[in-house]
Every structure is written in C-alpha cells, then in structure tokens.
Amino acid sequence: DTHMTKKERIEKLMGVLAVAFALCYRRGKNHGYRAKSIFRKGMESLHR
C-alpha cells in the first residue's frame, strides 16, 4: 500500500519492517500463543 518506487527508500523500509516483524514474532512467541497467531499477538502487544 506504500506504492514506493525509489530503491533506496524501499530498502530502508524493508529493513525497518524486517526488524519490526522479528520483534512482533518474538513478542508473540514469548507469551506462548498458538503458532498460527504468534505474529498477530506479538504485533498487537507491541502496538499497545
């Protein structure tokens, strides 16, 4: 949905999003949620 086209900006955003994903994944996993919802629970927790 970002509709970015500049390579440099896409690379920076991908780096930030990859770190955010890793944090969400770890956050969800640390709280023992079911495997299919690990990311979602982690993302909701981090957002809160």
ModelCIF file with pLDDT and N, C-alpha, C, O atoms, coordinates in Angstrom:
data_MODEL
#
_entry.id   MODEL 
#
_entity.id                         1 
_entity.type                       polymer 
_entity.pdbx_number_of_molecules   1 
#
_entity_poly.entity_id                      1 
_entity_poly.type                           'polypeptide(L)' 
_entity_poly.nstd_linkage                   no 
_entity_poly.nstd_monomer                   no 
_entity_poly.pdbx_seq_one_letter_code       DTHMTKKERIEKLMGVLAVAFALCYRRGKNHGYRAKSIFRKGMESLHR 
_entity_poly.pdbx_seq_one_letter_code_can   DTHMTKKERIEKLMGVLAVAFALCYRRGKNHGYRAKSIFRKGMESLHR 
_entity_poly.pdbx_strand_id                 A 
#
loop_
_entity_poly_seq.entity_id 
_entity_poly_seq.num 
_entity_poly_seq.mon_id 
_entity_poly_seq.hetero 
1 1  ASP n 
1 2  THR n 
1 3  HIS n 
1 4  MET n 
1 5  THR n 
1 6  LYS n 
1 7  LYS n 
1 8  GLU n 
1 9  ARG n 
1 10 ILE n 
1 11 GLU n 
1 12 LYS n 
1 13 LEU n 
1 14 MET n 
1 15 GLY n 
1 16 VAL n 
1 17 LEU n 
1 18 ALA n 
1 19 VAL n 
1 20 ALA n 
1 21 PHE n 
1 22 ALA n 
1 23 LEU n 
1 24 CYS n 
1 25 TYR n 
1 26 ARG n 
1 27 ARG n 
1 28 GLY n 
1 29 LYS n 
1 30 ASN n 
1 31 HIS n 
1 32 GLY n 
1 33 TYR n 
1 34 ARG n 
1 35 ALA n 
1 36 LYS n 
1 37 SER n 
1 38 ILE n 
1 39 PHE n 
1 40 ARG n 
1 41 LYS n 
1 42 GLY n 
1 43 MET n 
1 44 GLU n 
1 45 SER n 
1 46 LEU n 
1 47 HIS n 
1 48 ARG n 
#
_struct_asym.id          A 
_struct_asym.entity_id   1 
#
loop_
_ma_qa_metric.id 
_ma_qa_metric.mode 
_ma_qa_metric.name 
_ma_qa_metric.software_group_id 
_ma_qa_metric.type 
1 global pLDDT . pLDDT 
2 local  pLDDT . pLDDT 
#
_ma_qa_metric_global.metric_id      1 
_ma_qa_metric_global.metric_value   75.23 
_ma_qa_metric_global.model_id       1 
_ma_qa_metric_global.ordinal_id     1 
#
loop_
_ma_qa_metric_local.label_asym_id 
_ma_qa_metric_local.label_comp_id 
_ma_qa_metric_local.label_seq_id 
_ma_qa_metric_local.metric_id 
_ma_qa_metric_local.metric_value 
_ma_qa_metric_local.model_id 
_ma_qa_metric_local.ordinal_id 
A ASP 1  2 83.00 1 1  
A THR 2  2 81.00 1 2  
A HIS 3  2 81.00 1 3  
A MET 4  2 82.00 1 4  
A THR 5  2 87.00 1 5  
A LYS 6  2 90.00 1 6  
A LYS 7  2 90.00 1 7  
A GLU 8  2 91.00 1 8  
A ARG 9  2 89.00 1 9  
A ILE 10 2 87.00 1 10 
A GLU 11 2 89.00 1 11 
A LYS 12 2 87.00 1 12 
A LEU 13 2 84.00 1 13 
A MET 14 2 84.00 1 14 
A GLY 15 2 83.00 1 15 
A VAL 16 2 83.00 1 16 
A LEU 17 2 82.00 1 17 
A ALA 18 2 80.00 1 18 
A VAL 19 2 80.00 1 19 
A ALA 20 2 79.00 1 20 
A PHE 21 2 80.00 1 21 
A ALA 22 2 78.00 1 22 
A LEU 23 2 78.00 1 23 
A CYS 24 2 76.00 1 24 
A TYR 25 2 74.00 1 25 
A ARG 26 2 73.00 1 26 
A ARG 27 2 70.00 1 27 
A GLY 28 2 69.00 1 28 
A LYS 29 2 64.00 1 29 
A ASN 30 2 56.00 1 30 
A HIS 31 2 53.00 1 31 
A GLY 32 2 54.00 1 32 
A TYR 33 2 48.00 1 33 
A ARG 34 2 54.00 1 34 
A ALA 35 2 49.00 1 35 
A LYS 36 2 51.00 1 36 
A SER 37 2 61.00 1 37 
A ILE 38 2 66.00 1 38 
A PHE 39 2 70.00 1 39 
A ARG 40 2 72.00 1 40 
A LYS 41 2 75.00 1 41 
A GLY 42 2 76.00 1 42 
A MET 43 2 76.00 1 43 
A GLU 44 2 79.00 1 44 
A SER 45 2 78.00 1 45 
A LEU 46 2 78.00 1 46 
A HIS 47 2 80.00 1 47 
A ARG 48 2 81.00 1 48 
#
loop_
_atom_site.group_PDB 
_atom_site.id 
_atom_site.type_symbol 
_atom_site.label_atom_id 
_atom_site.label_alt_id 
_atom_site.label_comp_id 
_atom_site.label_asym_id 
_atom_site.label_entity_id 
_atom_site.label_seq_id 
_atom_site.pdbx_PDB_ins_code 
_atom_site.Cartn_x 
_atom_site.Cartn_y 
_atom_site.Cartn_z 
_atom_site.occupancy 
_atom_site.B_iso_or_equiv 
_atom_site.pdbx_formal_charge 
_atom_site.auth_seq_id 
_atom_site.auth_comp_id 
_atom_site.auth_asym_id 
_atom_site.auth_atom_id 
_atom_site.pdbx_PDB_model_num 
ATOM 1   N N  . ASP A 1 1  ? 0.808  -1.215  0.000  1.00 83.00 ? 1  ASP A N  1 
ATOM 2   C CA . ASP A 1 1  ? 0.000  0.000   0.000  1.00 83.00 ? 1  ASP A CA 1 
ATOM 3   C C  . ASP A 1 1  ? 0.846  1.272   0.000  1.00 83.00 ? 1  ASP A C  1 
ATOM 4   O O  . ASP A 1 1  ? 0.312  2.362   -0.205 1.00 83.00 ? 1  ASP A O  1 
ATOM 5   N N  . THR A 1 2  ? 2.154  1.152   0.226  1.00 81.00 ? 2  THR A N  1 
ATOM 6   C CA . THR A 1 2  ? 3.009  2.336   0.249  1.00 81.00 ? 2  THR A CA 1 
ATOM 7   C C  . THR A 1 2  ? 3.206  2.912   -1.148 1.00 81.00 ? 2  THR A C  1 
ATOM 8   O O  . THR A 1 2  ? 3.411  4.116   -1.296 1.00 81.00 ? 2  THR A O  1 
ATOM 9   N N  . HIS A 1 3  ? 3.146  2.065   -2.174 1.00 81.00 ? 3  HIS A N  1 
ATOM 10  C CA . HIS A 1 3  ? 3.351  2.475   -3.574 1.00 81.00 ? 3  HIS A CA 1 
ATOM 11  C C  . HIS A 1 3  ? 4.693  3.163   -3.784 1.00 81.00 ? 3  HIS A C  1 
ATOM 12  O O  . HIS A 1 3  ? 4.818  4.023   -4.655 1.00 81.00 ? 3  HIS A O  1 
ATOM 13  N N  . MET A 1 4  ? 5.696  2.793   -2.996 1.00 82.00 ? 4  MET A N  1 
ATOM 14  C CA . MET A 1 4  ? 7.036  3.365   -3.156 1.00 82.00 ? 4  MET A CA 1 
ATOM 15  C C  . MET A 1 4  ? 7.675  2.824   -4.434 1.00 82.00 ? 4  MET A C  1 
ATOM 16  O O  . MET A 1 4  ? 7.417  1.695   -4.850 1.00 82.00 ? 4  MET A O  1 
ATOM 17  N N  . THR A 1 5  ? 8.520  3.665   -5.046 1.00 87.00 ? 5  THR A N  1 
ATOM 18  C CA . THR A 1 5  ? 9.215  3.237   -6.254 1.00 87.00 ? 5  THR A CA 1 
ATOM 19  C C  . THR A 1 5  ? 10.725 3.473   -6.174 1.00 87.00 ? 5  THR A C  1 
ATOM 20  O O  . THR A 1 5  ? 11.476 2.870   -6.940 1.00 87.00 ? 5  THR A O  1 
ATOM 21  N N  . LYS A 1 6  ? 11.180 4.330   -5.270 1.00 90.00 ? 6  LYS A N  1 
ATOM 22  C CA . LYS A 1 6  ? 12.612 4.611   -5.161 1.00 90.00 ? 6  LYS A CA 1 
ATOM 23  C C  . LYS A 1 6  ? 13.306 3.506   -4.376 1.00 90.00 ? 6  LYS A C  1 
ATOM 24  O O  . LYS A 1 6  ? 12.947 3.196   -3.240 1.00 90.00 ? 6  LYS A O  1 
ATOM 25  N N  . LYS A 1 7  ? 14.321 2.919   -5.027 1.00 90.00 ? 7  LYS A N  1 
ATOM 26  C CA . LYS A 1 7  ? 15.029 1.773   -4.473 1.00 90.00 ? 7  LYS A CA 1 
ATOM 27  C C  . LYS A 1 7  ? 15.560 2.033   -3.066 1.00 90.00 ? 7  LYS A C  1 
ATOM 28  O O  . LYS A 1 7  ? 15.397 1.190   -2.184 1.00 90.00 ? 7  LYS A O  1 
ATOM 29  N N  . GLU A 1 8  ? 16.181 3.166   -2.846 1.00 91.00 ? 8  GLU A N  1 
ATOM 30  C CA . GLU A 1 8  ? 16.783 3.472   -1.550 1.00 91.00 ? 8  GLU A CA 1 
ATOM 31  C C  . GLU A 1 8  ? 15.730 3.505   -0.449 1.00 91.00 ? 8  GLU A C  1 
ATOM 32  O O  . GLU A 1 8  ? 15.963 2.996   0.647  1.00 91.00 ? 8  GLU A O  1 
ATOM 33  N N  . ARG A 1 9  ? 14.588 4.091   -0.728 1.00 89.00 ? 9  ARG A N  1 
ATOM 34  C CA . ARG A 1 9  ? 13.525 4.168   0.272  1.00 89.00 ? 9  ARG A CA 1 
ATOM 35  C C  . ARG A 1 9  ? 12.931 2.798   0.560  1.00 89.00 ? 9  ARG A C  1 
ATOM 36  O O  . ARG A 1 9  ? 12.623 2.476   1.708  1.00 89.00 ? 9  ARG A O  1 
ATOM 37  N N  . ILE A 1 10 ? 12.772 1.996   -0.480 1.00 87.00 ? 10 ILE A N  1 
ATOM 38  C CA . ILE A 1 10 ? 12.234 0.645   -0.304 1.00 87.00 ? 10 ILE A CA 1 
ATOM 39  C C  . ILE A 1 10 ? 13.187 -0.186  0.556  1.00 87.00 ? 10 ILE A C  1 
ATOM 40  O O  . ILE A 1 10 ? 12.751 -0.921  1.441  1.00 87.00 ? 10 ILE A O  1 
ATOM 41  N N  . GLU A 1 11 ? 14.499 -0.065  0.289  1.00 89.00 ? 11 GLU A N  1 
ATOM 42  C CA . GLU A 1 11 ? 15.485 -0.809  1.071  1.00 89.00 ? 11 GLU A CA 1 
ATOM 43  C C  . GLU A 1 11 ? 15.426 -0.426  2.546  1.00 89.00 ? 11 GLU A C  1 
ATOM 44  O O  . GLU A 1 11 ? 15.457 -1.299  3.413  1.00 89.00 ? 11 GLU A O  1 
ATOM 45  N N  . LYS A 1 12 ? 15.341 0.862   2.838  1.00 87.00 ? 12 LYS A N  1 
ATOM 46  C CA . LYS A 1 12 ? 15.269 1.313   4.232  1.00 87.00 ? 12 LYS A CA 1 
ATOM 47  C C  . LYS A 1 12 ? 13.987 0.820   4.897  1.00 87.00 ? 12 LYS A C  1 
ATOM 48  O O  . LYS A 1 12 ? 14.013 0.341   6.031  1.00 87.00 ? 12 LYS A O  1 
ATOM 49  N N  . LEU A 1 13 ? 12.878 0.938   4.194  1.00 84.00 ? 13 LEU A N  1 
ATOM 50  C CA . LEU A 1 13 ? 11.607 0.485   4.751  1.00 84.00 ? 13 LEU A CA 1 
ATOM 51  C C  . LEU A 1 13 ? 11.626 -1.016  4.998  1.00 84.00 ? 13 LEU A C  1 
ATOM 52  O O  . LEU A 1 13 ? 11.122 -1.482  6.021  1.00 84.00 ? 13 LEU A O  1 
ATOM 53  N N  . MET A 1 14 ? 12.204 -1.783  4.066  1.00 84.00 ? 14 MET A N  1 
ATOM 54  C CA . MET A 1 14 ? 12.285 -3.234  4.248  1.00 84.00 ? 14 MET A CA 1 
ATOM 55  C C  . MET A 1 14 ? 13.098 -3.583  5.492  1.00 84.00 ? 14 MET A C  1 
ATOM 56  O O  . MET A 1 14 ? 12.743 -4.500  6.231  1.00 84.00 ? 14 MET A O  1 
ATOM 57  N N  . GLY A 1 15 ? 14.176 -2.860  5.720  1.00 83.00 ? 15 GLY A N  1 
ATOM 58  C CA . GLY A 1 15 ? 14.984 -3.099  6.923  1.00 83.00 ? 15 GLY A CA 1 
ATOM 59  C C  . GLY A 1 15 ? 14.191 -2.842  8.191  1.00 83.00 ? 15 GLY A C  1 
ATOM 60  O O  . GLY A 1 15 ? 14.214 -3.650  9.119  1.00 83.00 ? 15 GLY A O  1 
ATOM 61  N N  . VAL A 1 16 ? 13.497 -1.728  8.231  1.00 83.00 ? 16 VAL A N  1 
ATOM 62  C CA . VAL A 1 16 ? 12.681 -1.392  9.407  1.00 83.00 ? 16 VAL A CA 1 
ATOM 63  C C  . VAL A 1 16 ? 11.575 -2.421  9.599  1.00 83.00 ? 16 VAL A C  1 
ATOM 64  O O  . VAL A 1 16 ? 11.330 -2.868  10.719 1.00 83.00 ? 16 VAL A O  1 
ATOM 65  N N  . LEU A 1 17 ? 10.908 -2.798  8.518  1.00 82.00 ? 17 LEU A N  1 
ATOM 66  C CA . LEU A 1 17 ? 9.814  -3.766  8.619  1.00 82.00 ? 17 LEU A CA 1 
ATOM 67  C C  . LEU A 1 17 ? 10.305 -5.145  9.029  1.00 82.00 ? 17 LEU A C  1 
ATOM 68  O O  . LEU A 1 17 ? 9.618  -5.847  9.772  1.00 82.00 ? 17 LEU A O  1 
ATOM 69  N N  . ALA A 1 18 ? 11.485 -5.549  8.558  1.00 80.00 ? 18 ALA A N  1 
ATOM 70  C CA . ALA A 1 18 ? 12.035 -6.851  8.947  1.00 80.00 ? 18 ALA A CA 1 
ATOM 71  C C  . ALA A 1 18 ? 12.326 -6.878  10.449 1.00 80.00 ? 18 ALA A C  1 
ATOM 72  O O  . ALA A 1 18 ? 12.050 -7.875  11.116 1.00 80.00 ? 18 ALA A O  1 
ATOM 73  N N  . VAL A 1 19 ? 12.875 -5.800  10.979 1.00 80.00 ? 19 VAL A N  1 
ATOM 74  C CA . VAL A 1 19 ? 13.127 -5.724  12.419 1.00 80.00 ? 19 VAL A CA 1 
ATOM 75  C C  . VAL A 1 19 ? 11.805 -5.719  13.179 1.00 80.00 ? 19 VAL A C  1 
ATOM 76  O O  . VAL A 1 19 ? 11.666 -6.409  14.190 1.00 80.00 ? 19 VAL A O  1 
ATOM 77  N N  . ALA A 1 20 ? 10.835 -4.944  12.697 1.00 79.00 ? 20 ALA A N  1 
ATOM 78  C CA . ALA A 1 20 ? 9.521  -4.905  13.348 1.00 79.00 ? 20 ALA A CA 1 
ATOM 79  C C  . ALA A 1 20 ? 8.870  -6.288  13.341 1.00 79.00 ? 20 ALA A C  1 
ATOM 80  O O  . ALA A 1 20 ? 8.274  -6.703  14.335 1.00 79.00 ? 20 ALA A O  1 
ATOM 81  N N  . PHE A 1 21 ? 8.986  -6.996  12.222 1.00 80.00 ? 21 PHE A N  1 
ATOM 82  C CA . PHE A 1 21 ? 8.435  -8.345  12.140 1.00 80.00 ? 21 PHE A CA 1 
ATOM 83  C C  . PHE A 1 21 ? 9.097  -9.256  13.176 1.00 80.00 ? 21 PHE A C  1 
ATOM 84  O O  . PHE A 1 21 ? 8.420  -9.997  13.890 1.00 80.00 ? 21 PHE A O  1 
ATOM 85  N N  . ALA A 1 22 ? 10.425 -9.192  13.247 1.00 78.00 ? 22 ALA A N  1 
ATOM 86  C CA . ALA A 1 22 ? 11.152 -10.047 14.195 1.00 78.00 ? 22 ALA A CA 1 
ATOM 87  C C  . ALA A 1 22 ? 10.719 -9.760  15.625 1.00 78.00 ? 22 ALA A C  1 
ATOM 88  O O  . ALA A 1 22 ? 10.547 -10.683 16.422 1.00 78.00 ? 22 ALA A O  1 
ATOM 89  N N  . LEU A 1 23 ? 10.545 -8.501  15.948 1.00 78.00 ? 23 LEU A N  1 
ATOM 90  C CA . LEU A 1 23 ? 10.105 -8.136  17.297 1.00 78.00 ? 23 LEU A CA 1 
ATOM 91  C C  . LEU A 1 23 ? 8.690  -8.641  17.574 1.00 78.00 ? 23 LEU A C  1 
ATOM 92  O O  . LEU A 1 23 ? 8.416  -9.162  18.655 1.00 78.00 ? 23 LEU A O  1 
ATOM 93  N N  . CYS A 1 24 ? 7.798  -8.488  16.605 1.00 76.00 ? 24 CYS A N  1 
ATOM 94  C CA . CYS A 1 24 ? 6.420  -8.971  16.774 1.00 76.00 ? 24 CYS A CA 1 
ATOM 95  C C  . CYS A 1 24 ? 6.399  -10.482 16.931 1.00 76.00 ? 24 CYS A C  1 
ATOM 96  O O  . CYS A 1 24 ? 5.678  -11.017 17.773 1.00 76.00 ? 24 CYS A O  1 
ATOM 97  N N  . TYR A 1 25 ? 7.183  -11.157 16.128 1.00 74.00 ? 25 TYR A N  1 
ATOM 98  C CA . TYR A 1 25 ? 7.231  -12.615 16.182 1.00 74.00 ? 25 TYR A CA 1 
ATOM 99  C C  . TYR A 1 25 ? 7.739  -13.081 17.546 1.00 74.00 ? 25 TYR A C  1 
ATOM 100 O O  . TYR A 1 25 ? 7.160  -13.970 18.170 1.00 74.00 ? 25 TYR A O  1 
ATOM 101 N N  . ARG A 1 26 ? 8.825  -12.468 17.993 1.00 73.00 ? 26 ARG A N  1 
ATOM 102 C CA . ARG A 1 26 ? 9.380  -12.850 19.290 1.00 73.00 ? 26 ARG A CA 1 
ATOM 103 C C  . ARG A 1 26 ? 8.406  -12.528 20.413 1.00 73.00 ? 26 ARG A C  1 
ATOM 104 O O  . ARG A 1 26 ? 8.237  -13.328 21.333 1.00 73.00 ? 26 ARG A O  1 
ATOM 105 N N  . ARG A 1 27 ? 7.772  -11.383 20.350 1.00 70.00 ? 27 ARG A N  1 
ATOM 106 C CA . ARG A 1 27 ? 6.837  -10.984 21.403 1.00 70.00 ? 27 ARG A CA 1 
ATOM 107 C C  . ARG A 1 27 ? 5.695  -11.990 21.501 1.00 70.00 ? 27 ARG A C  1 
ATOM 108 O O  . ARG A 1 27 ? 5.326  -12.398 22.602 1.00 70.00 ? 27 ARG A O  1 
ATOM 109 N N  . GLY A 1 28 ? 5.143  -12.385 20.384 1.00 69.00 ? 28 GLY A N  1 
ATOM 110 C CA . GLY A 1 28 ? 4.060  -13.362 20.388 1.00 69.00 ? 28 GLY A CA 1 
ATOM 111 C C  . GLY A 1 28 ? 4.520  -14.717 20.871 1.00 69.00 ? 28 GLY A C  1 
ATOM 112 O O  . GLY A 1 28 ? 3.790  -15.395 21.593 1.00 69.00 ? 28 GLY A O  1 
ATOM 113 N N  . LYS A 1 29 ? 5.715  -15.124 20.485 1.00 64.00 ? 29 LYS A N  1 
ATOM 114 C CA . LYS A 1 29 ? 6.236  -16.443 20.864 1.00 64.00 ? 29 LYS A CA 1 
ATOM 115 C C  . LYS A 1 29 ? 6.528  -16.519 22.358 1.00 64.00 ? 29 LYS A C  1 
ATOM 116 O O  . LYS A 1 29 ? 6.292  -17.550 22.988 1.00 64.00 ? 29 LYS A O  1 
ATOM 117 N N  . ASN A 1 30 ? 7.040  -15.431 22.925 1.00 56.00 ? 30 ASN A N  1 
ATOM 118 C CA . ASN A 1 30 ? 7.384  -15.423 24.339 1.00 56.00 ? 30 ASN A CA 1 
ATOM 119 C C  . ASN A 1 30 ? 6.169  -15.591 25.244 1.00 56.00 ? 30 ASN A C  1 
ATOM 120 O O  . ASN A 1 30 ? 6.302  -15.990 26.401 1.00 56.00 ? 30 ASN A O  1 
ATOM 121 N N  . HIS A 1 31 ? 5.010  -15.293 24.730 1.00 53.00 ? 31 HIS A N  1 
ATOM 122 C CA . HIS A 1 31 ? 3.809  -15.409 25.552 1.00 53.00 ? 31 HIS A CA 1 
ATOM 123 C C  . HIS A 1 31 ? 3.042  -16.688 25.291 1.00 53.00 ? 31 HIS A C  1 
ATOM 124 O O  . HIS A 1 31 ? 1.923  -16.847 25.780 1.00 53.00 ? 31 HIS A O  1 
ATOM 125 N N  . GLY A 1 32 ? 3.621  -17.603 24.529 1.00 54.00 ? 32 GLY A N  1 
ATOM 126 C CA . GLY A 1 32 ? 3.067  -18.932 24.373 1.00 54.00 ? 32 GLY A CA 1 
ATOM 127 C C  . GLY A 1 32 ? 1.787  -19.031 23.570 1.00 54.00 ? 32 GLY A C  1 
ATOM 128 O O  . GLY A 1 32 ? 1.026  -19.983 23.747 1.00 54.00 ? 32 GLY A O  1 
ATOM 129 N N  . TYR A 1 33 ? 1.528  -18.076 22.694 1.00 48.00 ? 33 TYR A N  1 
ATOM 130 C CA . TYR A 1 33 ? 0.329  -18.159 21.873 1.00 48.00 ? 33 TYR A CA 1 
ATOM 131 C C  . TYR A 1 33 ? 0.475  -19.260 20.836 1.00 48.00 ? 33 TYR A C  1 
ATOM 132 O O  . TYR A 1 33 ? 1.588  -19.679 20.517 1.00 48.00 ? 33 TYR A O  1 
ATOM 133 N N  . ARG A 1 34 ? -0.639 -19.723 20.317 1.00 54.00 ? 34 ARG A N  1 
ATOM 134 C CA . ARG A 1 34 ? -0.614 -20.757 19.289 1.00 54.00 ? 34 ARG A CA 1 
ATOM 135 C C  . ARG A 1 34 ? 0.207  -20.287 18.096 1.00 54.00 ? 34 ARG A C  1 
ATOM 136 O O  . ARG A 1 34 ? 0.269  -19.091 17.808 1.00 54.00 ? 34 ARG A O  1 
ATOM 137 N N  . ALA A 1 35 ? 0.842  -21.239 17.398 1.00 49.00 ? 35 ALA A N  1 
ATOM 138 C CA . ALA A 1 35 ? 1.778  -20.936 16.321 1.00 49.00 ? 35 ALA A CA 1 
ATOM 139 C C  . ALA A 1 35 ? 1.164  -20.069 15.230 1.00 49.00 ? 35 ALA A C  1 
ATOM 140 O O  . ALA A 1 35 ? 1.837  -19.169 14.728 1.00 49.00 ? 35 ALA A O  1 
ATOM 141 N N  . LYS A 1 36 ? -0.075 -20.302 14.846 1.00 51.00 ? 36 LYS A N  1 
ATOM 142 C CA . LYS A 1 36 ? -0.600 -19.538 13.735 1.00 51.00 ? 36 LYS A CA 1 
ATOM 143 C C  . LYS A 1 36 ? -0.927 -18.095 14.102 1.00 51.00 ? 36 LYS A C  1 
ATOM 144 O O  . LYS A 1 36 ? -1.174 -17.284 13.210 1.00 51.00 ? 36 LYS A O  1 
ATOM 145 N N  . SER A 1 37 ? -0.937 -17.753 15.383 1.00 61.00 ? 37 SER A N  1 
ATOM 146 C CA . SER A 1 37 ? -1.248 -16.382 15.769 1.00 61.00 ? 37 SER A CA 1 
ATOM 147 C C  . SER A 1 37 ? -0.084 -15.690 16.479 1.00 61.00 ? 37 SER A C  1 
ATOM 148 O O  . SER A 1 37 ? -0.261 -14.622 17.064 1.00 61.00 ? 37 SER A O  1 
ATOM 149 N N  . ILE A 1 38 ? 1.086  -16.285 16.430 1.00 66.00 ? 38 ILE A N  1 
ATOM 150 C CA . ILE A 1 38 ? 2.234  -15.692 17.114 1.00 66.00 ? 38 ILE A CA 1 
ATOM 151 C C  . ILE A 1 38 ? 2.471  -14.262 16.654 1.00 66.00 ? 38 ILE A C  1 
ATOM 152 O O  . ILE A 1 38 ? 2.590  -13.353 17.475 1.00 66.00 ? 38 ILE A O  1 
ATOM 153 N N  . PHE A 1 39 ? 2.537  -14.065 15.351 1.00 70.00 ? 39 PHE A N  1 
ATOM 154 C CA . PHE A 1 39 ? 2.822  -12.736 14.838 1.00 70.00 ? 39 PHE A CA 1 
ATOM 155 C C  . PHE A 1 39 ? 1.739  -11.743 15.235 1.00 70.00 ? 39 PHE A C  1 
ATOM 156 O O  . PHE A 1 39 ? 2.043  -10.653 15.719 1.00 70.00 ? 39 PHE A O  1 
ATOM 157 N N  . ARG A 1 40 ? 0.487  -12.108 15.034 1.00 72.00 ? 40 ARG A N  1 
ATOM 158 C CA . ARG A 1 40 ? -0.630 -11.194 15.321 1.00 72.00 ? 40 ARG A CA 1 
ATOM 159 C C  . ARG A 1 40 ? -0.636 -10.797 16.788 1.00 72.00 ? 40 ARG A C  1 
ATOM 160 O O  . ARG A 1 40 ? -0.776 -9.616  17.104 1.00 72.00 ? 40 ARG A O  1 
ATOM 161 N N  . LYS A 1 41 ? -0.488 -11.756 17.686 1.00 75.00 ? 41 LYS A N  1 
ATOM 162 C CA . LYS A 1 41 ? -0.473 -11.441 19.121 1.00 75.00 ? 41 LYS A CA 1 
ATOM 163 C C  . LYS A 1 41 ? 0.717  -10.553 19.459 1.00 75.00 ? 41 LYS A C  1 
ATOM 164 O O  . LYS A 1 41 ? 0.592  -9.610  20.240 1.00 75.00 ? 41 LYS A O  1 
ATOM 165 N N  . GLY A 1 42 ? 1.855  -10.849 18.879 1.00 76.00 ? 42 GLY A N  1 
ATOM 166 C CA . GLY A 1 42 ? 3.034  -10.027 19.119 1.00 76.00 ? 42 GLY A CA 1 
ATOM 167 C C  . GLY A 1 42 ? 2.867  -8.611  18.606 1.00 76.00 ? 42 GLY A C  1 
ATOM 168 O O  . GLY A 1 42 ? 3.255  -7.649  19.269 1.00 76.00 ? 42 GLY A O  1 
ATOM 169 N N  . MET A 1 43 ? 2.282  -8.487  17.413 1.00 76.00 ? 43 MET A N  1 
ATOM 170 C CA . MET A 1 43 ? 2.073  -7.150  16.844 1.00 76.00 ? 43 MET A CA 1 
ATOM 171 C C  . MET A 1 43 ? 1.093  -6.341  17.688 1.00 76.00 ? 43 MET A C  1 
ATOM 172 O O  . MET A 1 43 ? 1.316  -5.159  17.947 1.00 76.00 ? 43 MET A O  1 
ATOM 173 N N  . GLU A 1 44 ? 0.018  -6.978  18.112 1.00 79.00 ? 44 GLU A N  1 
ATOM 174 C CA . GLU A 1 44 ? -0.955 -6.268  18.953 1.00 79.00 ? 44 GLU A CA 1 
ATOM 175 C C  . GLU A 1 44 ? -0.322 -5.836  20.274 1.00 79.00 ? 44 GLU A C  1 
ATOM 176 O O  . GLU A 1 44 ? -0.563 -4.729  20.755 1.00 79.00 ? 44 GLU A O  1 
ATOM 177 N N  . SER A 1 45 ? 0.478  -6.707  20.848 1.00 78.00 ? 45 SER A N  1 
ATOM 178 C CA . SER A 1 45 ? 1.147  -6.403  22.108 1.00 78.00 ? 45 SER A CA 1 
ATOM 179 C C  . SER A 1 45 ? 2.137  -5.247  21.944 1.00 78.00 ? 45 SER A C  1 
ATOM 180 O O  . SER A 1 45 ? 2.158  -4.321  22.755 1.00 78.00 ? 45 SER A O  1 
ATOM 181 N N  . LEU A 1 46 ? 2.953  -5.307  20.893 1.00 78.00 ? 46 LEU A N  1 
ATOM 182 C CA . LEU A 1 46 ? 3.903  -4.212  20.655 1.00 78.00 ? 46 LEU A CA 1 
ATOM 183 C C  . LEU A 1 46 ? 3.192  -2.894  20.369 1.00 78.00 ? 46 LEU A C  1 
ATOM 184 O O  . LEU A 1 46 ? 3.617  -1.838  20.837 1.00 78.00 ? 46 LEU A O  1 
ATOM 185 N N  . HIS A 1 47 ? 2.121  -2.960  19.608 1.00 80.00 ? 47 HIS A N  1 
ATOM 186 C CA . HIS A 1 47 ? 1.358  -1.744  19.302 1.00 80.00 ? 47 HIS A CA 1 
ATOM 187 C C  . HIS A 1 47 ? 0.822  -1.127  20.589 1.00 80.00 ? 47 HIS A C  1 
ATOM 188 O O  . HIS A 1 47 ? 0.886  0.090   20.766 1.00 80.00 ? 47 HIS A O  1 
ATOM 189 N N  . ARG A 1 48 ? 0.299  -1.949  21.481 1.00 81.00 ? 48 ARG A N  1 
ATOM 190 C CA . ARG A 1 48 ? -0.240 -1.471  22.752 1.00 81.00 ? 48 ARG A CA 1 
ATOM 191 C C  . ARG A 1 48 ? 0.868  -0.821  23.581 1.00 81.00 ? 48 ARG A C  1 
ATOM 192 O O  . ARG A 1 48 ? 0.615  -0.353  24.691 1.00 81.00 ? 48 ARG A O  1 
#
